[in-house]
Amino acid sequence: MAVAAPPTVALRWDGRSLAVLDQTALPARDVWLELTGAADTAAAIRRLAVRGAPLIGIAAAYGLAMEVARRPGLGTLEDGAEVLAAARPTAVNLGWAVERVRAAALGAGVATMAAAARAEAQRIHAEEDAASAAIARHGAEVLADARRILTICNTGALAAGGSGTALAVILERHRRDGVHVLACETRPLLQGARLTAWELQRAGVPFELVVDSAAAGLIRRRDADAVIAGCDRVARNGDVANKVGTYGLALAARAAGIPFVIAGPTSSIDPNLPHGDRIVIEERGAEEVLAVGGAEIAPPGTAVRNPAFDVTPAELITALVTERGVVAPPTAAGVAELLGR
C-alpha cells in the first residue's frame, strides 16, 4: 500500500526571513522563493506564486514585517502596507492581515516597531494554523454522511494555514472513514489539476480529476454526495466569493438535493460588506485563457473575459464552516453571531 508523503508545507518562516513554495512551478518542480520585503512578497502574490486567501494573508503579514525590519519608520510601514494591500483585490484576508501588522507596529512606536510587526505576523500564522484544524473537525461532522465529495480549486496547505480549509475537511473525513474525491481541474490556471491533485496524491486520498464542464452533470448523476469549496470573501449576509465556477456547482448541488458547503476561517468574513454584489471581482489577464502551457489556443485578437471569482448567494449554501463553528444555513444573523463568539 502506498505511504502518504509528509504534510505539505507552503511557506517557511525562520523568525527573520520567509521562503515560499512557488505554486506556479507545481507539480513539475519544487521551487522555493526567498522573499525579503513588501515589494517581492506583493509580486509573488500577484503572479500566484503564493495564492489562497488565508495563505495570502499570512505571507503579506510577513512581507510587511520584513519590510519594517529592514528600515523601521512610519513611511516604510505605510508604503509597505499600501503595496501589499493592493496586490489582489478580492481576498479579504490580504487587507485584514496587513492592517493587523500595521496597527501592531503603529502601537509599538518606531523603536520597537519591527519586533511588534514580526510578533503580530507570527500570531496571524499561528491563528490560521489553529483555524485549519478546527475547520477540519467541524466540517467533518457536517459531511459525516458523505463518502464521495466534489471540490473546486485548491483549498489545502497550499492555500491556507495548517492543512487548509475545504481540503482539510476532506482529509479529516478520509482519516475517519475514507472518501473518494472528484477534483475539478479549475480553469484557467488549473489549480485543481496542478495543486489539489498533487496534495491529494501526497496524502494518499483516492481521487479523480474532473473537467470543469463535466461537474454539474456528474452531480446530477449522483456521483457526488456533497460539494465543498473554500472562500475568498464572505459578506455579512453569507454570500460567498470563491474561485470562478463555484456558483455553478452550488446551482447543480441545489438541483440534485445534495449539500453545498463552504469552509473558511472567520478572517475571510468581511462584516463591512452587506452582500455579495459589493464584492470586487478580480479580472485577470487574457493570456491565462488564450494559451495553455505556453501554446496559443485561440485565434489572434480574440477578446477574453477572465473573472477569477464568482459570487454564490447565501441561499444556495447548506452550511458555512469556520474555526468558530458552523452556520447552517448562513444568514446575516448567523454570521453576526459567529463573529461574536
C-alpha atoms as a PDB file:
ATOM      1  CA  MET A   1       0.000   0.000   0.000  1.00  0.00           C
ATOM      2  CA  ALA A   2       1.263   3.483  -0.879  1.00  0.00           C
ATOM      3  CA  VAL A   3       2.560   5.539   2.019  1.00  0.00           C
ATOM      4  CA  ALA A   4       1.395   9.156   2.263  1.00  0.00           C
ATOM      5  CA  ALA A   5       4.093  11.783   1.916  1.00  0.00           C
ATOM      6  CA  PRO A   6       4.925  14.188   4.761  1.00  0.00           C
ATOM      7  CA  PRO A   7       2.430  17.038   5.260  1.00  0.00           C
ATOM      8  CA  THR A   8       2.571  19.725   2.605  1.00  0.00           C
ATOM      9  CA  VAL A   9       4.362  22.925   3.640  1.00  0.00           C
ATOM     10  CA  ALA A  10       3.762  26.053   1.556  1.00  0.00           C
ATOM     11  CA  LEU A  11       5.931  28.568   3.405  1.00  0.00           C
ATOM     12  CA  ARG A  12       8.774  28.613   5.898  1.00  0.00           C
ATOM     13  CA  TRP A  13       9.476  31.364   8.395  1.00  0.00           C
ATOM     14  CA  ASP A  14      12.700  31.244  10.394  1.00  0.00           C
ATOM     15  CA  GLY A  15      11.970  34.259  12.564  1.00  0.00           C
ATOM     16  CA  ARG A  16      13.590  36.740  10.186  1.00  0.00           C
ATOM     17  CA  SER A  17      13.038  35.685   6.584  1.00  0.00           C
ATOM     18  CA  LEU A  18      10.341  33.992   4.511  1.00  0.00           C
ATOM     19  CA  ALA A  19      10.603  31.243   1.901  1.00  0.00           C
ATOM     20  CA  VAL A  20       7.522  30.289  -0.128  1.00  0.00           C
ATOM     21  CA  LEU A  21       6.879  27.321  -2.377  1.00  0.00           C
ATOM     22  CA  ASP A  22       6.332  28.732  -5.883  1.00  0.00           C
ATOM     23  CA  GLN A  23       2.935  27.310  -6.788  1.00  0.00           C
ATOM     24  CA  THR A  24       3.282  28.256 -10.444  1.00  0.00           C
ATOM     25  CA  ALA A  25       6.012  25.613 -10.789  1.00  0.00           C
ATOM     26  CA  LEU A  26       3.981  22.753  -9.274  1.00  0.00           C
ATOM     27  CA  PRO A  27       3.563  19.876  -9.775  1.00  0.00           C
ATOM     28  CA  ALA A  28       6.582  19.590 -12.065  1.00  0.00           C
ATOM     29  CA  ARG A  29       9.143  21.191  -9.753  1.00  0.00           C
ATOM     30  CA  ASP A  30       9.548  22.214  -6.124  1.00  0.00           C
ATOM     31  CA  VAL A  31      10.886  25.767  -6.351  1.00  0.00           C
ATOM     32  CA  TRP A  32      11.352  27.840  -3.190  1.00  0.00           C
ATOM     33  CA  LEU A  33      11.402  31.641  -3.411  1.00  0.00           C
ATOM     34  CA  GLU A  34      13.260  33.727  -0.854  1.00  0.00           C
ATOM     35  CA  LEU A  35      11.241  36.866  -0.054  1.00  0.00           C
ATOM     36  CA  THR A  36      12.714  39.891   1.673  1.00  0.00           C
ATOM     37  CA  GLY A  37      10.045  42.591   1.972  1.00  0.00           C
ATOM     38  CA  ALA A  38       6.816  44.152   0.757  1.00  0.00           C
ATOM     39  CA  ALA A  39       7.580  44.534  -2.955  1.00  0.00           C
ATOM     40  CA  ASP A  40       8.698  40.991  -3.729  1.00  0.00           C
ATOM     41  CA  THR A  41       6.001  39.497  -1.491  1.00  0.00           C
ATOM     42  CA  ALA A  42       3.341  41.522  -3.311  1.00  0.00           C
ATOM     43  CA  ALA A  43       4.785  40.425  -6.653  1.00  0.00           C
ATOM     44  CA  ALA A  44       4.648  36.768  -5.587  1.00  0.00           C
ATOM     45  CA  ILE A  45       1.006  37.215  -4.576  1.00  0.00           C
ATOM     46  CA  ARG A  46       0.070  38.949  -7.839  1.00  0.00           C
ATOM     47  CA  ARG A  47       1.526  36.220 -10.049  1.00  0.00           C
ATOM     48  CA  LEU A  48       0.000  33.455  -7.890  1.00  0.00           C
ATOM     49  CA  ALA A  49       3.297  32.036  -6.674  1.00  0.00           C
ATOM     50  CA  VAL A  50       1.507  32.484  -3.344  1.00  0.00           C
ATOM     51  CA  ARG A  51      -2.267  32.009  -3.510  1.00  0.00           C
ATOM     52  CA  GLY A  52      -5.297  31.041  -1.456  1.00  0.00           C
ATOM     53  CA  ALA A  53      -6.923  33.702   0.696  1.00  0.00           C
ATOM     54  CA  PRO A  54      -5.605  32.634   4.133  1.00  0.00           C
ATOM     55  CA  LEU A  55      -2.084  31.927   2.842  1.00  0.00           C
ATOM     56  CA  ILE A  56      -2.023  35.283   1.066  1.00  0.00           C
ATOM     57  CA  GLY A  57      -2.791  36.917   4.403  1.00  0.00           C
ATOM     58  CA  ILE A  58      -0.025  35.042   6.192  1.00  0.00           C
ATOM     59  CA  ALA A  59       2.543  35.851   3.510  1.00  0.00           C
ATOM     60  CA  ALA A  60       1.535  39.514   3.376  1.00  0.00           C
ATOM     61  CA  ALA A  61       1.834  39.796   7.162  1.00  0.00           C
ATOM     62  CA  TYR A  62       5.392  38.501   6.996  1.00  0.00           C
ATOM     63  CA  GLY A  63       6.114  40.710   3.971  1.00  0.00           C
ATOM     64  CA  LEU A  64       5.216  43.840   5.912  1.00  0.00           C
ATOM     65  CA  ALA A  65       7.117  42.659   8.989  1.00  0.00           C
ATOM     66  CA  MET A  66      10.236  42.092   6.896  1.00  0.00           C
ATOM     67  CA  GLU A  67       9.867  45.485   5.225  1.00  0.00           C
ATOM     68  CA  VAL A  68       9.693  47.258   8.571  1.00  0.00           C
ATOM     69  CA  ALA A  69      12.631  45.240   9.917  1.00  0.00           C
ATOM     70  CA  ARG A  70      14.806  46.456   7.027  1.00  0.00           C
ATOM     71  CA  ARG A  71      14.016  50.149   7.550  1.00  0.00           C
ATOM     72  CA  PRO A  72      11.949  50.883  10.668  1.00  0.00           C
ATOM     73  CA  GLY A  73       9.855  54.015  10.255  1.00  0.00           C
ATOM     74  CA  LEU A  74       6.327  55.261   9.672  1.00  0.00           C
ATOM     75  CA  GLY A  75       6.949  55.951   5.990  1.00  0.00           C
ATOM     76  CA  THR A  76       8.240  52.446   5.386  1.00  0.00           C
ATOM     77  CA  LEU A  77       5.295  50.975   7.265  1.00  0.00           C
ATOM     78  CA  GLU A  78       2.655  52.908   5.345  1.00  0.00           C
ATOM     79  CA  ASP A  79       4.287  52.411   1.942  1.00  0.00           C
ATOM     80  CA  GLY A  80       4.739  48.686   2.528  1.00  0.00           C
ATOM     81  CA  ALA A  81       1.163  48.265   3.713  1.00  0.00           C
ATOM     82  CA  GLU A  82      -0.151  50.072   0.615  1.00  0.00           C
ATOM     83  CA  VAL A  83       1.902  47.953  -1.785  1.00  0.00           C
ATOM     84  CA  LEU A  84       0.794  44.687  -0.190  1.00  0.00           C
ATOM     85  CA  ALA A  85      -2.875  45.583   0.214  1.00  0.00           C
ATOM     86  CA  ALA A  86      -3.097  46.415  -3.498  1.00  0.00           C
ATOM     87  CA  ALA A  87      -1.611  43.101  -4.686  1.00  0.00           C
ATOM     88  CA  ARG A  88      -5.009  41.415  -5.257  1.00  0.00           C
ATOM     89  CA  PRO A  89      -8.493  42.865  -4.696  1.00  0.00           C
ATOM     90  CA  THR A  90     -10.889  40.028  -3.838  1.00  0.00           C
ATOM     91  CA  ALA A  91      -9.482  38.054  -0.898  1.00  0.00           C
ATOM     92  CA  VAL A  92     -10.327  39.945   2.309  1.00  0.00           C
ATOM     93  CA  ASN A  93      -7.583  38.156   4.266  1.00  0.00           C
ATOM     94  CA  LEU A  94      -4.945  40.230   2.493  1.00  0.00           C
ATOM     95  CA  GLY A  95      -6.083  43.614   3.773  1.00  0.00           C
ATOM     96  CA  TRP A  96      -7.099  42.120   7.129  1.00  0.00           C
ATOM     97  CA  ALA A  97      -3.615  40.708   7.807  1.00  0.00           C
ATOM     98  CA  VAL A  98      -1.779  43.799   6.551  1.00  0.00           C
ATOM     99  CA  GLU A  99      -3.874  46.063   8.762  1.00  0.00           C
ATOM    100  CA  ARG A 100      -3.268  43.895  11.817  1.00  0.00           C
ATOM    101  CA  VAL A 101       0.502  44.096  11.361  1.00  0.00           C
ATOM    102  CA  ARG A 102       0.314  47.805  10.563  1.00  0.00           C
ATOM    103  CA  ALA A 103      -1.743  48.512  13.692  1.00  0.00           C
ATOM    104  CA  ALA A 104       0.617  46.493  15.892  1.00  0.00           C
ATOM    105  CA  ALA A 105       3.637  48.367  14.516  1.00  0.00           C
ATOM    106  CA  LEU A 106       1.979  51.760  14.962  1.00  0.00           C
ATOM    107  CA  GLY A 107       1.044  50.918  18.521  1.00  0.00           C
ATOM    108  CA  ALA A 108       4.597  49.944  19.367  1.00  0.00           C
ATOM    109  CA  GLY A 109       6.347  53.061  18.086  1.00  0.00           C
ATOM    110  CA  VAL A 110       9.464  53.297  15.941  1.00  0.00           C
ATOM    111  CA  ALA A 111      11.905  51.860  18.488  1.00  0.00           C
ATOM    112  CA  THR A 112      10.108  48.514  18.800  1.00  0.00           C
ATOM    113  CA  MET A 113       8.137  48.594  15.553  1.00  0.00           C
ATOM    114  CA  ALA A 114       9.998  45.741  13.879  1.00  0.00           C
ATOM    115  CA  ALA A 115       9.608  43.366  16.822  1.00  0.00           C
ATOM    116  CA  ALA A 116       5.909  44.179  17.164  1.00  0.00           C
ATOM    117  CA  ALA A 117       5.261  43.639  13.444  1.00  0.00           C
ATOM    118  CA  ARG A 118       7.126  40.336  13.487  1.00  0.00           C
ATOM    119  CA  ALA A 119       5.232  39.124  16.551  1.00  0.00           C
ATOM    120  CA  GLU A 120       1.877  40.018  15.010  1.00  0.00           C
ATOM    121  CA  ALA A 121       2.705  38.233  11.754  1.00  0.00           C
ATOM    122  CA  GLN A 122       3.695  35.129  13.698  1.00  0.00           C
ATOM    123  CA  ARG A 123       0.473  35.405  15.694  1.00  0.00           C
ATOM    124  CA  ILE A 124      -1.585  35.526  12.492  1.00  0.00           C
ATOM    125  CA  HIS A 125       0.241  32.460  11.168  1.00  0.00           C
ATOM    126  CA  ALA A 126      -0.395  30.503  14.367  1.00  0.00           C
ATOM    127  CA  GLU A 127      -4.057  31.519  14.423  1.00  0.00           C
ATOM    128  CA  GLU A 128      -4.599  30.402  10.835  1.00  0.00           C
ATOM    129  CA  ASP A 129      -2.912  27.056  11.514  1.00  0.00           C
ATOM    130  CA  ALA A 130      -5.206  26.524  14.500  1.00  0.00           C
ATOM    131  CA  ALA A 131      -8.223  27.632  12.464  1.00  0.00           C
ATOM    132  CA  SER A 132      -7.453  24.979   9.859  1.00  0.00           C
ATOM    133  CA  ALA A 133      -7.532  22.202  12.438  1.00  0.00           C
ATOM    134  CA  ALA A 134     -10.829  23.430  13.876  1.00  0.00           C
ATOM    135  CA  ILE A 135     -12.394  23.812  10.418  1.00  0.00           C
ATOM    136  CA  ALA A 136     -11.414  20.227   9.618  1.00  0.00           C
ATOM    137  CA  ARG A 137     -13.157  18.933  12.733  1.00  0.00           C
ATOM    138  CA  HIS A 138     -16.337  20.961  12.279  1.00  0.00           C
ATOM    139  CA  GLY A 139     -16.554  20.228   8.567  1.00  0.00           C
ATOM    140  CA  ALA A 140     -16.066  16.502   9.030  1.00  0.00           C
ATOM    141  CA  GLU A 141     -19.151  16.476  11.262  1.00  0.00           C
ATOM    142  CA  VAL A 142     -21.188  18.424   8.698  1.00  0.00           C
ATOM    143  CA  LEU A 143     -20.201  15.949   5.958  1.00  0.00           C
ATOM    144  CA  ALA A 144     -20.363  12.865   8.173  1.00  0.00           C
ATOM    145  CA  ASP A 145     -22.546  11.019   5.652  1.00  0.00           C
ATOM    146  CA  ALA A 146     -20.548  11.943   2.551  1.00  0.00           C
ATOM    147  CA  ARG A 147     -18.154   9.415   1.052  1.00  0.00           C
ATOM    148  CA  ARG A 148     -17.917  10.937  -2.440  1.00  0.00           C
ATOM    149  CA  ILE A 149     -17.016  14.613  -2.316  1.00  0.00           C
ATOM    150  CA  LEU A 150     -16.601  17.068  -5.172  1.00  0.00           C
ATOM    151  CA  THR A 151     -14.435  20.154  -4.771  1.00  0.00           C
ATOM    152  CA  ILE A 152     -13.067  23.024  -6.860  1.00  0.00           C
ATOM    153  CA  CYS A 153      -9.789  24.946  -6.978  1.00  0.00           C
ATOM    154  CA  ASN A 154      -7.189  24.302  -4.274  1.00  0.00           C
ATOM    155  CA  THR A 155      -8.008  24.702  -0.595  1.00  0.00           C
ATOM    156  CA  GLY A 156      -5.287  22.679   1.102  1.00  0.00           C
ATOM    157  CA  ALA A 157      -1.994  23.588   2.736  1.00  0.00           C
ATOM    158  CA  LEU A 158      -1.039  25.413  -0.470  1.00  0.00           C
ATOM    159  CA  ALA A 159      -3.904  27.842   0.148  1.00  0.00           C
ATOM    160  CA  ALA A 160      -4.120  28.275   3.907  1.00  0.00           C
ATOM    161  CA  GLY A 161      -2.503  27.653   7.242  1.00  0.00           C
ATOM    162  CA  GLY A 162      -2.230  24.091   8.526  1.00  0.00           C
ATOM    163  CA  SER A 163      -3.797  21.530   6.190  1.00  0.00           C
ATOM    164  CA  GLY A 164      -6.146  24.066   4.610  1.00  0.00           C
ATOM    165  CA  THR A 165      -9.874  24.780   4.620  1.00  0.00           C
ATOM    166  CA  ALA A 166     -12.185  22.696   2.404  1.00  0.00           C
ATOM    167  CA  LEU A 167      -9.394  20.242   1.626  1.00  0.00           C
ATOM    168  CA  ALA A 168      -8.623  19.970   5.342  1.00  0.00           C
ATOM    169  CA  VAL A 169     -12.216  18.829   5.836  1.00  0.00           C
ATOM    170  CA  ILE A 170     -11.790  16.240   3.099  1.00  0.00           C
ATOM    171  CA  LEU A 171      -8.555  14.957   4.651  1.00  0.00           C
ATOM    172  CA  GLU A 172     -10.245  14.644   8.042  1.00  0.00           C
ATOM    173  CA  ARG A 173     -13.197  12.801   6.527  1.00  0.00           C
ATOM    174  CA  HIS A 174     -10.760  10.441   4.822  1.00  0.00           C
ATOM    175  CA  ARG A 175      -8.898   9.871   8.076  1.00  0.00           C
ATOM    176  CA  ARG A 176     -12.132   8.919   9.804  1.00  0.00           C
ATOM    177  CA  ASP A 177     -13.990   6.872   7.197  1.00  0.00           C
ATOM    178  CA  GLY A 178     -12.288   7.015   3.814  1.00  0.00           C
ATOM    179  CA  VAL A 179     -13.557   9.155   0.952  1.00  0.00           C
ATOM    180  CA  HIS A 180     -13.303   9.427  -2.806  1.00  0.00           C
ATOM    181  CA  VAL A 181     -12.773  12.907  -4.239  1.00  0.00           C
ATOM    182  CA  LEU A 182     -13.835  14.429  -7.530  1.00  0.00           C
ATOM    183  CA  ALA A 183     -11.438  17.343  -8.072  1.00  0.00           C
ATOM    184  CA  CYS A 184     -12.397  19.949 -10.653  1.00  0.00           C
ATOM    185  CA  GLU A 185      -9.481  20.934 -12.889  1.00  0.00           C
ATOM    186  CA  THR A 186     -10.352  24.601 -12.251  1.00  0.00           C
ATOM    187  CA  ARG A 187      -9.716  26.699 -15.323  1.00  0.00           C
ATOM    188  CA  PRO A 188      -7.939  28.831 -16.340  1.00  0.00           C
ATOM    189  CA  LEU A 189      -4.856  28.193 -14.184  1.00  0.00           C
ATOM    190  CA  LEU A 190      -5.755  24.589 -13.370  1.00  0.00           C
ATOM    191  CA  GLN A 191      -5.258  24.867  -9.614  1.00  0.00           C
ATOM    192  CA  GLY A 192      -7.285  21.691  -9.177  1.00  0.00           C
ATOM    193  CA  ALA A 193      -5.298  19.689 -11.691  1.00  0.00           C
ATOM    194  CA  ARG A 194      -1.908  21.038 -10.656  1.00  0.00           C
ATOM    195  CA  LEU A 195      -2.285  21.603  -6.918  1.00  0.00           C
ATOM    196  CA  THR A 196      -5.271  19.752  -5.428  1.00  0.00           C
ATOM    197  CA  ALA A 197      -4.364  16.578  -7.310  1.00  0.00           C
ATOM    198  CA  TRP A 198      -0.782  16.952  -6.050  1.00  0.00           C
ATOM    199  CA  GLU A 199      -1.915  17.378  -2.433  1.00  0.00           C
ATOM    200  CA  LEU A 200      -4.440  14.519  -2.580  1.00  0.00           C
ATOM    201  CA  GLN A 201      -1.864  12.206  -4.126  1.00  0.00           C
ATOM    202  CA  ARG A 202       0.679  13.091  -1.435  1.00  0.00           C
ATOM    203  CA  ALA A 203      -1.945  12.451   1.250  1.00  0.00           C
ATOM    204  CA  GLY A 204      -2.926   9.079  -0.197  1.00  0.00           C
ATOM    205  CA  VAL A 205      -6.555  10.065  -0.821  1.00  0.00           C
ATOM    206  CA  PRO A 206      -8.233   8.384  -3.828  1.00  0.00           C
ATOM    207  CA  PHE A 207      -9.457  10.928  -6.355  1.00  0.00           C
ATOM    208  CA  GLU A 208     -10.404  11.546  -9.953  1.00  0.00           C
ATOM    209  CA  LEU A 209      -9.723  14.736 -11.878  1.00  0.00           C
ATOM    210  CA  VAL A 210     -12.874  16.209 -13.404  1.00  0.00           C
ATOM    211  CA  VAL A 211     -13.202  18.534 -16.396  1.00  0.00           C
ATOM    212  CA  ASP A 212     -14.910  21.656 -15.036  1.00  0.00           C
ATOM    213  CA  SER A 213     -17.766  21.500 -17.522  1.00  0.00           C
ATOM    214  CA  ALA A 214     -18.495  17.876 -16.531  1.00  0.00           C
ATOM    215  CA  ALA A 215     -19.006  18.605 -12.830  1.00  0.00           C
ATOM    216  CA  ALA A 216     -22.673  19.605 -12.966  1.00  0.00           C
ATOM    217  CA  GLY A 217     -23.571  16.521 -14.980  1.00  0.00           C
ATOM    218  CA  LEU A 218     -21.734  14.250 -12.538  1.00  0.00           C
ATOM    219  CA  ILE A 219     -23.592  15.868  -9.650  1.00  0.00           C
ATOM    220  CA  ARG A 220     -26.897  15.255 -11.459  1.00  0.00           C
ATOM    221  CA  ARG A 221     -25.884  11.593 -11.943  1.00  0.00           C
ATOM    222  CA  ARG A 222     -25.400  11.306  -8.169  1.00  0.00           C
ATOM    223  CA  ASP A 223     -21.683  10.660  -8.496  1.00  0.00           C
ATOM    224  CA  ALA A 224     -21.126  13.026  -5.560  1.00  0.00           C
ATOM    225  CA  ASP A 225     -22.733  13.006  -2.111  1.00  0.00           C
ATOM    226  CA  ALA A 226     -21.694  16.599  -1.365  1.00  0.00           C
ATOM    227  CA  VAL A 227     -19.790  19.590  -2.721  1.00  0.00           C
ATOM    228  CA  ILE A 228     -17.347  21.566  -0.590  1.00  0.00           C
ATOM    229  CA  ALA A 229     -15.417  24.700  -1.538  1.00  0.00           C
ATOM    230  CA  GLY A 230     -13.343  27.378   0.119  1.00  0.00           C
ATOM    231  CA  CYS A 231     -13.945  31.122   0.188  1.00  0.00           C
ATOM    232  CA  ASP A 232     -12.014  34.296  -0.554  1.00  0.00           C
ATOM    233  CA  ARG A 233     -14.543  36.725   0.899  1.00  0.00           C
ATOM    234  CA  VAL A 234     -17.806  36.256   2.778  1.00  0.00           C
ATOM    235  CA  ALA A 235     -20.258  39.146   3.001  1.00  0.00           C
ATOM    236  CA  ARG A 236     -22.099  39.707   6.260  1.00  0.00           C
ATOM    237  CA  ASN A 237     -25.312  38.205   4.820  1.00  0.00           C
ATOM    238  CA  GLY A 238     -23.474  34.957   3.987  1.00  0.00           C
ATOM    239  CA  ASP A 239     -22.894  35.489   0.254  1.00  0.00           C
ATOM    240  CA  VAL A 240     -19.536  33.999  -0.759  1.00  0.00           C
ATOM    241  CA  ALA A 241     -16.917  34.914  -3.366  1.00  0.00           C
ATOM    242  CA  ASN A 242     -14.802  31.961  -4.400  1.00  0.00           C
ATOM    243  CA  LYS A 243     -12.951  30.648  -7.434  1.00  0.00           C
ATOM    244  CA  VAL A 244     -14.966  31.150 -10.624  1.00  0.00           C
ATOM    245  CA  GLY A 245     -17.142  28.102 -11.249  1.00  0.00           C
ATOM    246  CA  THR A 246     -18.259  27.752  -7.633  1.00  0.00           C
ATOM    247  CA  TYR A 247     -21.655  29.346  -8.310  1.00  0.00           C
ATOM    248  CA  GLY A 248     -22.447  26.773 -10.994  1.00  0.00           C
ATOM    249  CA  LEU A 249     -21.606  23.932  -8.607  1.00  0.00           C
ATOM    250  CA  ALA A 250     -23.931  25.442  -5.996  1.00  0.00           C
ATOM    251  CA  LEU A 251     -26.776  25.535  -8.522  1.00  0.00           C
ATOM    252  CA  ALA A 252     -26.122  21.923  -9.525  1.00  0.00           C
ATOM    253  CA  ALA A 253     -25.987  20.790  -5.900  1.00  0.00           C
ATOM    254  CA  ARG A 254     -29.283  22.529  -5.135  1.00  0.00           C
ATOM    255  CA  ALA A 255     -30.935  20.893  -8.147  1.00  0.00           C
ATOM    256  CA  ALA A 256     -29.634  17.473  -7.077  1.00  0.00           C
ATOM    257  CA  GLY A 257     -30.569  17.974  -3.423  1.00  0.00           C
ATOM    258  CA  ILE A 258     -27.074  17.392  -2.039  1.00  0.00           C
ATOM    259  CA  PRO A 259     -25.180  19.560   0.490  1.00  0.00           C
ATOM    260  CA  PHE A 260     -23.154  22.501  -0.781  1.00  0.00           C
ATOM    261  CA  VAL A 261     -20.710  23.541   1.940  1.00  0.00           C
ATOM    262  CA  ILE A 262     -18.300  26.477   2.218  1.00  0.00           C
ATOM    263  CA  ALA A 263     -15.288  26.162   4.529  1.00  0.00           C
ATOM    264  CA  GLY A 264     -13.001  29.000   5.586  1.00  0.00           C
ATOM    265  CA  PRO A 265     -11.653  30.952   8.545  1.00  0.00           C
ATOM    266  CA  THR A 266     -13.513  33.905  10.040  1.00  0.00           C
ATOM    267  CA  SER A 267     -10.681  36.068   8.692  1.00  0.00           C
ATOM    268  CA  SER A 268     -12.387  35.597   5.292  1.00  0.00           C
ATOM    269  CA  ILE A 269     -15.607  37.215   6.545  1.00  0.00           C
ATOM    270  CA  ASP A 270     -15.955  40.906   5.706  1.00  0.00           C
ATOM    271  CA  PRO A 271     -18.520  42.444   8.090  1.00  0.00           C
ATOM    272  CA  ASN A 272     -18.263  45.747   6.203  1.00  0.00           C
ATOM    273  CA  LEU A 273     -19.837  44.259   3.068  1.00  0.00           C
ATOM    274  CA  PRO A 274     -23.637  43.906   3.289  1.00  0.00           C
ATOM    275  CA  HIS A 275     -23.954  41.430   0.397  1.00  0.00           C
ATOM    276  CA  GLY A 276     -22.015  39.696  -2.346  1.00  0.00           C
ATOM    277  CA  ASP A 277     -22.868  42.160  -5.105  1.00  0.00           C
ATOM    278  CA  ARG A 278     -20.495  44.605  -3.416  1.00  0.00           C
ATOM    279  CA  ILE A 279     -17.509  42.235  -3.644  1.00  0.00           C
ATOM    280  CA  VAL A 280     -14.854  43.389  -6.105  1.00  0.00           C
ATOM    281  CA  ILE A 281     -14.221  40.570  -8.577  1.00  0.00           C
ATOM    282  CA  GLU A 282     -10.680  40.394  -9.906  1.00  0.00           C
ATOM    283  CA  GLU A 283     -10.352  40.242 -13.706  1.00  0.00           C
ATOM    284  CA  ARG A 284      -7.097  38.580 -14.672  1.00  0.00           C
ATOM    285  CA  GLY A 285      -5.081  38.788 -17.882  1.00  0.00           C
ATOM    286  CA  ALA A 286      -6.299  37.406 -21.201  1.00  0.00           C
ATOM    287  CA  GLU A 287      -3.113  35.364 -21.633  1.00  0.00           C
ATOM    288  CA  GLU A 288      -4.322  32.930 -18.950  1.00  0.00           C
ATOM    289  CA  VAL A 289      -7.183  31.934 -21.265  1.00  0.00           C
ATOM    290  CA  LEU A 290      -5.617  32.357 -24.686  1.00  0.00           C
ATOM    291  CA  ALA A 291      -2.759  29.919 -24.052  1.00  0.00           C
ATOM    292  CA  VAL A 292      -2.209  26.607 -22.284  1.00  0.00           C
ATOM    293  CA  GLY A 293       1.320  25.585 -21.350  1.00  0.00           C
ATOM    294  CA  GLY A 294       2.680  28.428 -23.444  1.00  0.00           C
ATOM    295  CA  ALA A 295       0.853  27.275 -26.610  1.00  0.00           C
ATOM    296  CA  GLU A 296      -1.741  29.653 -28.046  1.00  0.00           C
ATOM    297  CA  ILE A 297      -5.158  28.035 -28.426  1.00  0.00           C
ATOM    298  CA  ALA A 298      -7.359  30.863 -29.747  1.00  0.00           C
ATOM    299  CA  PRO A 299      -7.269  32.974 -32.927  1.00  0.00           C
ATOM    300  CA  PRO A 300      -5.222  36.185 -32.703  1.00  0.00           C
ATOM    301  CA  GLY A 301      -7.256  39.131 -31.468  1.00  0.00           C
ATOM    302  CA  THR A 302      -9.780  37.034 -29.536  1.00  0.00           C
ATOM    303  CA  ALA A 303     -11.483  39.055 -26.791  1.00  0.00           C
ATOM    304  CA  VAL A 304     -11.483  37.487 -23.332  1.00  0.00           C
ATOM    305  CA  ARG A 305     -13.435  37.703 -20.088  1.00  0.00           C
ATOM    306  CA  ASN A 306     -11.401  36.215 -17.256  1.00  0.00           C
ATOM    307  CA  PRO A 307     -13.027  36.805 -13.852  1.00  0.00           C
ATOM    308  CA  ALA A 308     -11.050  34.964 -11.189  1.00  0.00           C
ATOM    309  CA  PHE A 309     -14.054  34.579  -8.874  1.00  0.00           C
ATOM    310  CA  ASP A 310     -17.830  34.443  -8.796  1.00  0.00           C
ATOM    311  CA  VAL A 311     -20.344  35.023  -6.016  1.00  0.00           C
ATOM    312  CA  THR A 312     -22.609  32.314  -4.607  1.00  0.00           C
ATOM    313  CA  PRO A 313     -25.734  33.655  -2.832  1.00  0.00           C
ATOM    314  CA  ALA A 314     -26.182  32.555   0.764  1.00  0.00           C
ATOM    315  CA  GLU A 315     -29.485  30.837  -0.009  1.00  0.00           C
ATOM    316  CA  LEU A 316     -27.625  28.214  -2.082  1.00  0.00           C
ATOM    317  CA  ILE A 317     -25.204  27.351   0.735  1.00  0.00           C
ATOM    318  CA  THR A 318     -26.075  24.491   3.082  1.00  0.00           C
ATOM    319  CA  ALA A 319     -23.505  25.428   5.718  1.00  0.00           C
ATOM    320  CA  LEU A 320     -20.655  27.857   6.343  1.00  0.00           C
ATOM    321  CA  VAL A 321     -17.920  26.064   8.302  1.00  0.00           C
ATOM    322  CA  THR A 322     -15.392  28.145  10.243  1.00  0.00           C
ATOM    323  CA  GLU A 323     -12.995  27.605  13.123  1.00  0.00           C
ATOM    324  CA  ARG A 324     -15.589  29.134  15.477  1.00  0.00           C
ATOM    325  CA  GLY A 325     -18.316  26.748  14.422  1.00  0.00           C
ATOM    326  CA  VAL A 326     -20.941  26.258  11.745  1.00  0.00           C
ATOM    327  CA  VAL A 327     -23.770  28.438  10.459  1.00  0.00           C
ATOM    328  CA  ALA A 328     -26.329  26.289   8.681  1.00  0.00           C
ATOM    329  CA  PRO A 329     -27.648  27.841   6.568  1.00  0.00           C
ATOM    330  CA  PRO A 330     -25.652  31.100   6.585  1.00  0.00           C
ATOM    331  CA  THR A 331     -27.727  34.197   7.351  1.00  0.00           C
ATOM    332  CA  ALA A 332     -26.866  37.740   8.388  1.00  0.00           C
ATOM    333  CA  ALA A 333     -27.906  36.961  11.956  1.00  0.00           C
ATOM    334  CA  GLY A 334     -25.964  33.708  11.992  1.00  0.00           C
ATOM    335  CA  VAL A 335     -22.808  35.303  10.602  1.00  0.00           C
ATOM    336  CA  ALA A 336     -23.031  38.128  13.159  1.00  0.00           C
ATOM    337  CA  GLU A 337     -23.461  35.636  15.984  1.00  0.00           C
ATOM    338  CA  LEU A 338     -20.495  33.626  14.690  1.00  0.00           C
ATOM    339  CA  LEU A 339     -18.241  36.686  14.650  1.00  0.00           C
ATOM    340  CA  GLY A 340     -19.294  37.469  18.205  1.00  0.00           C
ATOM    341  CA  ARG A 341     -18.190  34.103  19.605  1.00  0.00           C
END
